[in-house]
PDB file of N, CA and C in Angstrom:
ATOM      1  N   MET A   1      13.497  -3.357   6.008  1.00  0.00           N
ATOM      2  CA  MET A   1      14.909  -3.719   6.201  1.00  0.00           C
ATOM      3  C   MET A   1      15.624  -2.362   6.334  1.00  0.00           C
ATOM      4  N   SER A   2      16.557  -2.265   7.191  1.00  0.00           N
ATOM      5  CA  SER A   2      17.623  -1.299   7.265  1.00  0.00           C
ATOM      6  C   SER A   2      19.109  -1.636   7.087  1.00  0.00           C
ATOM      7  N   TYR A   3      19.810  -0.853   6.902  1.00  0.00           N
ATOM      8  CA  TYR A   3      21.458  -0.968   6.790  1.00  0.00           C
ATOM      9  C   TYR A   3      22.097   0.094   7.566  1.00  0.00           C
ATOM     10  N   ARG A   4      23.312  -0.376   8.278  1.00  0.00           N
ATOM     11  CA  ARG A   4      24.023   0.623   9.072  1.00  0.00           C
ATOM     12  C   ARG A   4      25.302   0.645   8.244  1.00  0.00           C
ATOM     13  N   THR A   5      25.763   1.754   7.792  1.00  0.00           N
ATOM     14  CA  THR A   5      27.140   1.778   7.581  1.00  0.00           C
ATOM     15  C   THR A   5      28.128   2.723   8.393  1.00  0.00           C
ATOM     16  N   TYR A   6      29.290   2.530   8.413  1.00  0.00           N
ATOM     17  CA  TYR A   6      30.267   3.091   9.345  1.00  0.00           C
ATOM     18  C   TYR A   6      31.281   3.787   8.673  1.00  0.00           C
ATOM     19  N   TYR A   7      31.647   5.013   8.878  1.00  0.00           N
ATOM     20  CA  TYR A   7      32.600   5.855   8.315  1.00  0.00           C
ATOM     21  C   TYR A   7      34.028   5.763   9.370  1.00  0.00           C
ATOM     22  N   ASN A   8      35.061   5.947   8.848  1.00  0.00           N
ATOM     23  CA  ASN A   8      36.317   5.887   9.643  1.00  0.00           C
ATOM     24  C   ASN A   8      36.365   6.886  10.606  1.00  0.00           C
ATOM     25  N   SER A   9      35.495   7.712  10.540  1.00  0.00           N
ATOM     26  CA  SER A   9      35.346   8.782  11.734  1.00  0.00           C
ATOM     27  C   SER A   9      34.801   8.376  12.979  1.00  0.00           C
ATOM     28  N   GLY A  10      34.275   7.097  12.771  1.00  0.00           N
ATOM     29  CA  GLY A  10      33.497   6.429  13.870  1.00  0.00           C
ATOM     30  C   GLY A  10      32.066   6.844  13.942  1.00  0.00           C
ATOM     31  N   LYS A  11      31.390   7.753  13.157  1.00  0.00           N
ATOM     32  CA  LYS A  11      30.099   8.125  12.721  1.00  0.00           C
ATOM     33  C   LYS A  11      29.287   6.890  11.947  1.00  0.00           C
ATOM     34  N   SER A  12      27.911   6.723  12.290  1.00  0.00           N
ATOM     35  CA  SER A  12      27.093   5.896  11.666  1.00  0.00           C
ATOM     36  C   SER A  12      25.988   6.547  11.228  1.00  0.00           C
ATOM     37  N   ILE A  13      25.510   5.838  10.178  1.00  0.00           N
ATOM     38  CA  ILE A  13      24.419   6.241   9.339  1.00  0.00           C
ATOM     39  C   ILE A  13      23.515   5.231   9.179  1.00  0.00           C
ATOM     40  N   LYS A  14      22.097   5.404   9.307  1.00  0.00           N
ATOM     41  CA  LYS A  14      21.244   4.279   9.191  1.00  0.00           C
ATOM     42  C   LYS A  14      20.393   4.568   7.882  1.00  0.00           C
ATOM     43  N   TYR A  15      20.340   3.527   7.043  1.00  0.00           N
ATOM     44  CA  TYR A  15      19.544   3.755   5.918  1.00  0.00           C
ATOM     45  C   TYR A  15      18.461   2.887   5.889  1.00  0.00           C
ATOM     46  N   VAL A  16      17.129   3.256   5.654  1.00  0.00           N
ATOM     47  CA  VAL A  16      15.942   2.436   5.733  1.00  0.00           C
ATOM     48  C   VAL A  16      15.364   2.535   4.220  1.00  0.00           C
ATOM     49  N   LYS A  17      14.517   1.416   4.275  1.00  0.00           N
ATOM     50  CA  LYS A  17      13.751   1.333   2.914  1.00  0.00           C
ATOM     51  C   LYS A  17      13.025   2.396   2.427  1.00  0.00           C
ATOM     52  N   THR A  18      12.956   2.736   1.100  1.00  0.00           N
ATOM     53  CA  THR A  18      12.684   3.650   0.363  1.00  0.00           C
ATOM     54  C   THR A  18      10.983   3.478   0.584  1.00  0.00           C
ATOM     55  N   PRO A  19      10.457   4.590   1.067  1.00  0.00           N
ATOM     56  CA  PRO A  19       8.793   4.477   1.251  1.00  0.00           C
ATOM     57  C   PRO A  19       8.226   4.592  -0.142  1.00  0.00           C
ATOM     58  N   LYS A  20       7.081   3.839  -0.392  1.00  0.00           N
ATOM     59  CA  LYS A  20       6.087   4.027  -1.674  1.00  0.00           C
ATOM     60  C   LYS A  20       4.957   4.430  -1.274  1.00  0.00           C
ATOM     61  N   ILE A  21       4.423   5.358  -2.269  1.00  0.00           N
ATOM     62  CA  ILE A  21       3.127   5.817  -2.062  1.00  0.00           C
ATOM     63  C   ILE A  21       2.082   4.865  -2.367  1.00  0.00           C
ATOM     64  N   THR A  22       1.107   4.569  -1.882  1.00  0.00           N
ATOM     65  CA  THR A  22       0.258   3.213  -2.104  1.00  0.00           C
ATOM     66  C   THR A  22      -1.021   3.602  -2.473  1.00  0.00           C
ATOM     67  N   GLY A  23      -1.410   5.080  -2.263  1.00  0.00           N
ATOM     68  CA  GLY A  23      -2.722   5.509  -2.737  1.00  0.00           C
ATOM     69  C   GLY A  23      -3.111   7.081  -2.572  1.00  0.00           C
ATOM     70  N   PHE A  24      -3.908   7.641  -3.219  1.00  0.00           N
ATOM     71  CA  PHE A  24      -4.275   8.897  -3.207  1.00  0.00           C
ATOM     72  C   PHE A  24      -5.928   9.075  -2.845  1.00  0.00           C
ATOM     73  N   GLU A  25      -6.379  10.091  -2.558  1.00  0.00           N
ATOM     74  CA  GLU A  25      -7.808  10.013  -2.067  1.00  0.00           C
ATOM     75  C   GLU A  25      -8.002  11.863  -2.428  1.00  0.00           C
ATOM     76  N   ASN A  26      -9.119  11.894  -3.043  1.00  0.00           N
ATOM     77  CA  ASN A  26      -9.760  13.208  -3.174  1.00  0.00           C
ATOM     78  C   ASN A  26     -10.603  13.691  -2.014  1.00  0.00           C
ATOM     79  N   THR A  27     -10.005  14.648  -1.156  1.00  0.00           N
ATOM     80  CA  THR A  27     -11.085  15.155  -0.058  1.00  0.00           C
ATOM     81  C   THR A  27     -11.533  16.542  -0.210  1.00  0.00           C
ATOM     82  N   ASP A  28     -12.440  17.108   0.665  1.00  0.00           N
ATOM     83  CA  ASP A  28     -12.815  18.674   0.439  1.00  0.00           C
ATOM     84  C   ASP A  28     -11.770  19.351   0.406  1.00  0.00           C
ATOM     85  N   SER A  29     -10.707  18.897   1.479  1.00  0.00           N
ATOM     86  CA  SER A  29      -9.644  19.769   1.581  1.00  0.00           C
ATOM     87  C   SER A  29      -8.419  19.864   1.040  1.00  0.00           C
ATOM     88  N   GLY A  30      -8.443  18.620   0.135  1.00  0.00           N
ATOM     89  CA  GLY A  30      -7.265  18.514  -0.620  1.00  0.00           C
ATOM     90  C   GLY A  30      -6.862  17.045  -1.048  1.00  0.00           C
ATOM     91  N   ALA A  31      -5.622  16.659  -1.616  1.00  0.00           N
ATOM     92  CA  ALA A  31      -5.266  15.212  -1.737  1.00  0.00           C
ATOM     93  C   ALA A  31      -4.488  14.654  -0.749  1.00  0.00           C
ATOM     94  N   LYS A  32      -5.174  13.373  -0.404  1.00  0.00           N
ATOM     95  CA  LYS A  32      -4.624  12.671   0.788  1.00  0.00           C
ATOM     96  C   LYS A  32      -3.844  11.651   0.109  1.00  0.00           C
ATOM     97  N   LEU A  33      -2.474  11.535   0.538  1.00  0.00           N
ATOM     98  CA  LEU A  33      -1.476  10.488   0.052  1.00  0.00           C
ATOM     99  C   LEU A  33      -1.740   9.567   1.197  1.00  0.00           C
ATOM    100  N   SER A  34      -1.218   8.296   0.653  1.00  0.00           N
ATOM    101  CA  SER A  34      -1.034   7.259   1.922  1.00  0.00           C
ATOM    102  C   SER A  34       0.389   6.645   1.223  1.00  0.00           C
ATOM    103  N   PHE A  35       1.220   6.289   2.206  1.00  0.00           N
ATOM    104  CA  PHE A  35       2.392   5.500   1.857  1.00  0.00           C
ATOM    105  C   PHE A  35       2.956   4.416   2.919  1.00  0.00           C
ATOM    106  N   THR A  36       3.762   3.712   2.415  1.00  0.00           N
ATOM    107  CA  THR A  36       4.393   2.491   3.208  1.00  0.00           C
ATOM    108  C   THR A  36       5.069   3.012   4.728  1.00  0.00           C
ATOM    109  N   LYS A  37       4.671   2.214   5.679  1.00  0.00           N
ATOM    110  CA  LYS A  37       5.608   2.550   6.943  1.00  0.00           C
ATOM    111  C   LYS A  37       6.957   1.791   6.603  1.00  0.00           C
ATOM    112  N   CYS A  38       7.987   2.307   7.042  1.00  0.00           N
ATOM    113  CA  CYS A  38       9.485   2.041   7.014  1.00  0.00           C
ATOM    114  C   CYS A  38      10.049   1.965   8.211  1.00  0.00           C
ATOM    115  N   ASP A  39      10.490   0.696   8.623  1.00  0.00           N
ATOM    116  CA  ASP A  39      11.065   0.431   9.996  1.00  0.00           C
ATOM    117  C   ASP A  39      12.150   1.495  10.141  1.00  0.00           C
ATOM    118  N   GLY A  40      12.334   1.951  10.991  1.00  0.00           N
ATOM    119  CA  GLY A  40      13.708   3.058  11.278  1.00  0.00           C
ATOM    120  C   GLY A  40      13.456   4.245  11.234  1.00  0.00           C
ATOM    121  N   ALA A  41      12.150   4.537  10.628  1.00  0.00           N
ATOM    122  CA  ALA A  41      11.910   6.049  10.295  1.00  0.00           C
ATOM    123  C   ALA A  41      11.128   6.715  11.186  1.00  0.00           C
ATOM    124  N   ALA A  42      11.826   7.811  11.710  1.00  0.00           N
ATOM    125  CA  ALA A  42      11.250   8.503  12.755  1.00  0.00           C
ATOM    126  C   ALA A  42       9.694   9.401  12.367  1.00  0.00           C
ATOM    127  N   ARG A  43      10.107   9.908  11.155  1.00  0.00           N
ATOM    128  CA  ARG A  43       9.239  10.774  10.172  1.00  0.00           C
ATOM    129  C   ARG A  43       9.251  10.713   8.981  1.00  0.00           C
ATOM    130  N   TYR A  44       8.447  11.191   8.079  1.00  0.00           N
ATOM    131  CA  TYR A  44       8.466  10.966   6.765  1.00  0.00           C
ATOM    132  C   TYR A  44       8.488  12.458   6.127  1.00  0.00           C
ATOM    133  N   GLY A  45       9.116  12.813   4.949  1.00  0.00           N
ATOM    134  CA  GLY A  45       9.427  13.979   4.377  1.00  0.00           C
ATOM    135  C   GLY A  45       8.365  13.799   3.106  1.00  0.00           C
ATOM    136  N   ILE A  46       7.383  14.830   3.067  1.00  0.00           N
ATOM    137  CA  ILE A  46       6.716  14.826   1.876  1.00  0.00           C
ATOM    138  C   ILE A  46       7.099  16.060   0.768  1.00  0.00           C
ATOM    139  N   PHE A  47       7.247  15.555  -0.676  1.00  0.00           N
ATOM    140  CA  PHE A  47       7.779  16.160  -1.863  1.00  0.00           C
ATOM    141  C   PHE A  47       7.043  16.651  -2.679  1.00  0.00           C
ATOM    142  N   TYR A  48       6.845  17.577  -3.669  1.00  0.00           N
ATOM    143  CA  TYR A  48       6.055  17.555  -4.925  1.00  0.00           C
ATOM    144  C   TYR A  48       7.236  18.061  -5.918  1.00  0.00           C
ATOM    145  N   LEU A  49       6.948  17.606  -7.117  1.00  0.00           N
ATOM    146  CA  LEU A  49       7.891  18.229  -8.146  1.00  0.00           C
ATOM    147  C   LEU A  49       7.292  19.193  -8.787  1.00  0.00           C
ATOM    148  N   SER A  50       8.110  20.676  -8.714  1.00  0.00           N
ATOM    149  CA  SER A  50       8.054  21.767  -9.293  1.00  0.00           C
ATOM    150  C   SER A  50       8.739  21.895 -10.454  1.00  0.00           C
ATOM    151  N   ALA A  51       8.381  23.192 -11.113  1.00  0.00           N
ATOM    152  CA  ALA A  51       9.457  23.561 -12.412  1.00  0.00           C
ATOM    153  C   ALA A  51      10.919  23.585 -11.940  1.00  0.00           C
ATOM    154  N   ASP A  52      11.164  23.810 -10.685  1.00  0.00           N
ATOM    155  CA  ASP A  52      12.393  24.193 -10.216  1.00  0.00           C
ATOM    156  C   ASP A  52      13.239  22.676  -9.507  1.00  0.00           C
ATOM    157  N   GLY A  53      12.326  21.763  -9.636  1.00  0.00           N
ATOM    158  CA  GLY A  53      12.831  20.409  -8.865  1.00  0.00           C
ATOM    159  C   GLY A  53      11.865  20.250  -7.870  1.00  0.00           C
ATOM    160  N   TRP A  54      12.253  19.359  -6.865  1.00  0.00           N
ATOM    161  CA  TRP A  54      11.651  18.712  -5.566  1.00  0.00           C
ATOM    162  C   TRP A  54      11.443  19.679  -4.726  1.00  0.00           C
ATOM    163  N   LYS A  55      10.073  20.080  -4.055  1.00  0.00           N
ATOM    164  CA  LYS A  55       9.902  20.954  -3.023  1.00  0.00           C
ATOM    165  C   LYS A  55       9.274  20.531  -2.049  1.00  0.00           C
ATOM    166  N   GLY A  56       9.800  20.596  -0.942  1.00  0.00           N
ATOM    167  CA  GLY A  56       9.271  19.899   0.221  1.00  0.00           C
ATOM    168  C   GLY A  56       7.840  20.728   0.931  1.00  0.00           C
ATOM    169  N   LEU A  57       6.943  19.884   1.189  1.00  0.00           N
ATOM    170  CA  LEU A  57       5.625  20.310   1.664  1.00  0.00           C
ATOM    171  C   LEU A  57       5.614  20.163   3.256  1.00  0.00           C
ATOM    172  N   ARG A  58       6.044  19.035   3.785  1.00  0.00           N
ATOM    173  CA  ARG A  58       6.011  19.116   5.268  1.00  0.00           C
ATOM    174  C   ARG A  58       6.400  17.665   5.596  1.00  0.00           C
ATOM    175  N   SER A  59       6.854  17.356   6.960  1.00  0.00           N
ATOM    176  CA  SER A  59       7.128  16.192   7.388  1.00  0.00           C
ATOM    177  C   SER A  59       5.860  15.688   8.399  1.00  0.00           C
ATOM    178  N   THR A  60       5.916  14.125   8.527  1.00  0.00           N
ATOM    179  CA  THR A  60       4.739  13.810   9.395  1.00  0.00           C
ATOM    180  C   THR A  60       5.255  12.578   9.772  1.00  0.00           C
ATOM    181  N   SER A  61       4.692  12.050  11.063  1.00  0.00           N
ATOM    182  CA  SER A  61       5.223  10.778  11.534  1.00  0.00           C
ATOM    183  C   SER A  61       3.879   9.851  11.223  1.00  0.00           C
ATOM    184  N   ASP A  62       3.025  10.219  10.577  1.00  0.00           N
ATOM    185  CA  ASP A  62       1.665   9.272  10.134  1.00  0.00           C
ATOM    186  C   ASP A  62       2.182   8.708   8.925  1.00  0.00           C
ATOM    187  N   THR A  63       1.627   7.729   8.186  1.00  0.00           N
ATOM    188  CA  THR A  63       1.840   7.115   7.114  1.00  0.00           C
ATOM    189  C   THR A  63       0.697   7.667   6.165  1.00  0.00           C
ATOM    190  N   PHE A  64       0.466   8.957   6.147  1.00  0.00           N
ATOM    191  CA  PHE A  64      -0.303   9.704   5.124  1.00  0.00           C
ATOM    192  C   PHE A  64      -0.437  10.913   5.330  1.00  0.00           C
ATOM    193  N   PHE A  65      -0.639  11.831   4.337  1.00  0.00           N
ATOM    194  CA  PHE A  65      -0.359  13.158   4.249  1.00  0.00           C
ATOM    195  C   PHE A  65      -1.549  13.896   3.465  1.00  0.00           C
ATOM    196  N   LEU A  66      -2.055  15.183   3.940  1.00  0.00           N
ATOM    197  CA  LEU A  66      -3.082  15.797   3.167  1.00  0.00           C
ATOM    198  C   LEU A  66      -2.542  16.938   2.563  1.00  0.00           C
ATOM    199  N   ASP A  67      -2.545  17.267   1.468  1.00  0.00           N
ATOM    200  CA  ASP A  67      -1.798  18.318   0.617  1.00  0.00           C
ATOM    201  C   ASP A  67      -2.881  19.337   0.471  1.00  0.00           C
ATOM    202  N   THR A  68      -3.103  20.315   1.176  1.00  0.00           N
ATOM    203  CA  THR A  68      -4.113  21.332   1.238  1.00  0.00           C
ATOM    204  C   THR A  68      -3.715  22.585   0.305  1.00  0.00           C
ATOM    205  N   THR A  69      -2.520  22.477  -0.220  1.00  0.00           N
ATOM    206  CA  THR A  69      -1.958  23.637  -1.130  1.00  0.00           C
ATOM    207  C   THR A  69      -2.217  23.293  -2.638  1.00  0.00           C
ATOM    208  N   VAL A  70      -2.679  21.980  -2.927  1.00  0.00           N
ATOM    209  CA  VAL A  70      -2.948  21.436  -4.331  1.00  0.00           C
ATOM    210  C   VAL A  70      -4.329  22.275  -4.832  1.00  0.00           C
ATOM    211  N   LYS A  71      -4.386  22.874  -5.892  1.00  0.00           N
ATOM    212  CA  LYS A  71      -5.450  23.372  -6.619  1.00  0.00           C
ATOM    213  C   LYS A  71      -6.385  22.313  -7.476  1.00  0.00           C
ATOM    214  N   ASN A  72      -7.546  22.560  -7.284  1.00  0.00           N
ATOM    215  CA  ASN A  72      -8.754  21.611  -8.153  1.00  0.00           C
ATOM    216  C   ASN A  72      -8.329  21.601  -9.483  1.00  0.00           C
ATOM    217  N   GLY A  73      -8.187  20.341 -10.141  1.00  0.00           N
ATOM    218  CA  GLY A  73      -7.703  20.165 -11.317  1.00  0.00           C
ATOM    219  C   GLY A  73      -6.273  20.116 -11.639  1.00  0.00           C
ATOM    220  N   GLU A  74      -5.449  20.482 -10.654  1.00  0.00           N
ATOM    221  CA  GLU A  74      -3.963  20.332 -10.820  1.00  0.00           C
ATOM    222  C   GLU A  74      -3.329  19.069 -10.602  1.00  0.00           C
ATOM    223  N   THR A  75      -2.262  18.691 -11.527  1.00  0.00           N
ATOM    224  CA  THR A  75      -1.745  17.273 -11.386  1.00  0.00           C
ATOM    225  C   THR A  75      -0.364  17.553 -10.710  1.00  0.00           C
ATOM    226  N   ARG A  76      -0.039  16.931  -9.587  1.00  0.00           N
ATOM    227  CA  ARG A  76       1.253  16.984  -8.963  1.00  0.00           C
ATOM    228  C   ARG A  76       2.068  15.575  -8.931  1.00  0.00           C
ATOM    229  N   THR A  77       3.095  15.631  -8.852  1.00  0.00           N
ATOM    230  CA  THR A  77       4.024  14.467  -8.669  1.00  0.00           C
ATOM    231  C   THR A  77       4.654  14.578  -7.295  1.00  0.00           C
ATOM    232  N   TYR A  78       4.466  13.318  -6.370  1.00  0.00           N
ATOM    233  CA  TYR A  78       4.681  13.452  -5.052  1.00  0.00           C
ATOM    234  C   TYR A  78       6.061  12.319  -4.911  1.00  0.00           C
ATOM    235  N   THR A  79       6.743  12.332  -3.826  1.00  0.00           N
ATOM    236  CA  THR A  79       7.571  11.347  -3.373  1.00  0.00           C
ATOM    237  C   THR A  79       7.808  11.590  -2.026  1.00  0.00           C
ATOM    238  N   VAL A  80       8.301  10.721  -1.276  1.00  0.00           N
ATOM    239  CA  VAL A  80       8.351  10.551   0.274  1.00  0.00           C
ATOM    240  C   VAL A  80       9.693  10.242   0.627  1.00  0.00           C
ATOM    241  N   ARG A  81      10.363  10.702   1.690  1.00  0.00           N
ATOM    242  CA  ARG A  81      11.672  10.092   2.042  1.00  0.00           C
ATOM    243  C   ARG A  81      11.463   9.994   3.633  1.00  0.00           C
ATOM    244  N   CYS A  82      12.137   9.184   4.206  1.00  0.00           N
ATOM    245  CA  CYS A  82      12.451   8.707   5.675  1.00  0.00           C
ATOM    246  C   CYS A  82      13.268   9.690   6.339  1.00  0.00           C
ATOM    247  N   LEU A  83      12.950   9.961   7.352  1.00  0.00           N
ATOM    248  CA  LEU A  83      13.663  10.838   8.278  1.00  0.00           C
ATOM    249  C   LEU A  83      13.971  10.265   9.498  1.00  0.00           C
ATOM    250  N   ASP A  84      15.168  10.425   9.904  1.00  0.00           N
ATOM    251  CA  ASP A  84      15.570  10.110  11.438  1.00  0.00           C
ATOM    252  C   ASP A  84      15.203  11.147  12.476  1.00  0.00           C
ATOM    253  N   SER A  85      15.194  10.892  13.636  1.00  0.00           N
ATOM    254  CA  SER A  85      14.680  11.707  14.769  1.00  0.00           C
ATOM    255  C   SER A  85      15.220  13.245  14.631  1.00  0.00           C
ATOM    256  N   ASP A  86      16.539  13.306  13.994  1.00  0.00           N
ATOM    257  CA  ASP A  86      17.218  14.807  13.946  1.00  0.00           C
ATOM    258  C   ASP A  86      16.632  15.332  12.748  1.00  0.00           C
ATOM    259  N   GLY A  87      15.857  14.682  11.893  1.00  0.00           N
ATOM    260  CA  GLY A  87      15.447  15.508  10.845  1.00  0.00           C
ATOM    261  C   GLY A  87      16.270  15.074   9.429  1.00  0.00           C
ATOM    262  N   ASN A  88      17.123  14.342   9.576  1.00  0.00           N
ATOM    263  CA  ASN A  88      18.231  13.807   8.658  1.00  0.00           C
ATOM    264  C   ASN A  88      17.490  12.877   7.662  1.00  0.00           C
ATOM    265  N   PHE A  89      17.721  12.808   6.341  1.00  0.00           N
ATOM    266  CA  PHE A  89      17.457  11.893   5.537  1.00  0.00           C
ATOM    267  C   PHE A  89      17.849  10.484   5.843  1.00  0.00           C
ATOM    268  N   VAL A  90      17.353   9.142   5.815  1.00  0.00           N
ATOM    269  CA  VAL A  90      17.805   8.135   5.961  1.00  0.00           C
ATOM    270  C   VAL A  90      17.247   7.082   4.916  1.00  0.00           C
ATOM    271  N   SER A  91      16.601   7.612   3.750  1.00  0.00           N
ATOM    272  CA  SER A  91      16.067   6.741   2.845  1.00  0.00           C
ATOM    273  C   SER A  91      16.468   7.379   1.497  1.00  0.00           C
ATOM    274  N   ARG A  92      16.415   6.583   0.368  1.00  0.00           N
ATOM    275  CA  ARG A  92      16.441   7.162  -0.813  1.00  0.00           C
ATOM    276  C   ARG A  92      14.835   7.754  -1.244  1.00  0.00           C
ATOM    277  N   PHE A  93      14.679   8.213  -2.502  1.00  0.00           N
ATOM    278  CA  PHE A  93      13.234   8.453  -2.854  1.00  0.00           C
ATOM    279  C   PHE A  93      13.216   8.040  -4.173  1.00  0.00           C
ATOM    280  N   ASN A  94      11.894   7.901  -4.508  1.00  0.00           N
ATOM    281  CA  ASN A  94      11.595   7.427  -5.879  1.00  0.00           C
ATOM    282  C   ASN A  94      11.838   9.037  -6.915  1.00  0.00           C
ATOM    283  N   ARG A  95      12.712   8.853  -7.725  1.00  0.00           N
ATOM    284  CA  ARG A  95      12.883  10.334  -8.348  1.00  0.00           C
ATOM    285  C   ARG A  95      12.067  10.419  -9.500  1.00  0.00           C
ATOM    286  N   ASP A  96      11.244   9.459  -9.910  1.00  0.00           N
ATOM    287  CA  ASP A  96      10.187   9.640 -10.985  1.00  0.00           C
ATOM    288  C   ASP A  96       9.003  10.080 -10.041  1.00  0.00           C
ATOM    289  N   GLY A  97       8.587   9.662  -9.086  1.00  0.00           N
ATOM    290  CA  GLY A  97       7.451  10.054  -8.299  1.00  0.00           C
ATOM    291  C   GLY A  97       6.274   9.397  -8.620  1.00  0.00           C
ATOM    292  N   TRP A  98       5.288   9.752  -8.014  1.00  0.00           N
ATOM    293  CA  TRP A  98       3.819   9.437  -8.353  1.00  0.00           C
ATOM    294  C   TRP A  98       3.011  10.436  -8.695  1.00  0.00           C
ATOM    295  N   SER A  99       2.173  10.546  -9.814  1.00  0.00           N
ATOM    296  CA  SER A  99       1.608  11.596 -10.262  1.00  0.00           C
ATOM    297  C   SER A  99       0.207  11.293  -9.908  1.00  0.00           C
ATOM    298  N   TYR A 100      -0.774  12.547  -9.532  1.00  0.00           N
ATOM    299  CA  TYR A 100      -2.292  12.293  -9.348  1.00  0.00           C
ATOM    300  C   TYR A 100      -2.542  13.810  -9.627  1.00  0.00           C
ATOM    301  N   MET A 101      -3.896  13.775 -10.208  1.00  0.00           N
ATOM    302  CA  MET A 101      -4.789  14.867 -10.492  1.00  0.00           C
ATOM    303  C   MET A 101      -5.685  14.975  -9.401  1.00  0.00           C
ATOM    304  N   TYR A 102      -5.715  16.086  -8.625  1.00  0.00           N
ATOM    305  CA  TYR A 102      -6.605  16.435  -7.650  1.00  0.00           C
ATOM    306  C   TYR A 102      -8.147  16.999  -8.287  1.00  0.00           C
ATOM    307  N   LEU A 103      -8.973  16.099  -7.904  1.00  0.00           N
ATOM    308  CA  LEU A 103     -10.406  16.597  -8.321  1.00  0.00           C
ATOM    309  C   LEU A 103     -11.160  16.858  -6.877  1.00  0.00           C
ATOM    310  N   GLN A 104     -11.565  18.031  -6.877  1.00  0.00           N
ATOM    311  CA  GLN A 104     -12.291  18.256  -5.349  1.00  0.00           C
ATOM    312  C   GLN A 104     -13.773  17.654  -5.643  1.00  0.00           C
ATOM    313  N   PRO A 105     -13.876  17.004  -4.616  1.00  0.00           N
ATOM    314  CA  PRO A 105     -15.383  16.109  -4.681  1.00  0.00           C
ATOM    315  C   PRO A 105     -16.416  17.277  -4.523  1.00  0.00           C
TER     316      PRO A 105
END
């Protein structure tokens, strides 16, 4: 589901459903995240929670992402946001995120 809002200046912003992480997988290269597809999203921004707040990892047009920066035995908390074709956020995000401990196979 998506919503469109209009401002008096004539600009419109399209908001889409917040993506949800649906699974994690250990791979030799890192932690693989899978998440829901959201209609209206051109790309997805992947973030992890650091001591300084949410940090961006990368964006992707796929509904999965391989975090190759995570260390063996490290627990990371991830979240995902939808982006439009210009790279602007068009969804909310789960502020609590989803936590996962990566264990290299």
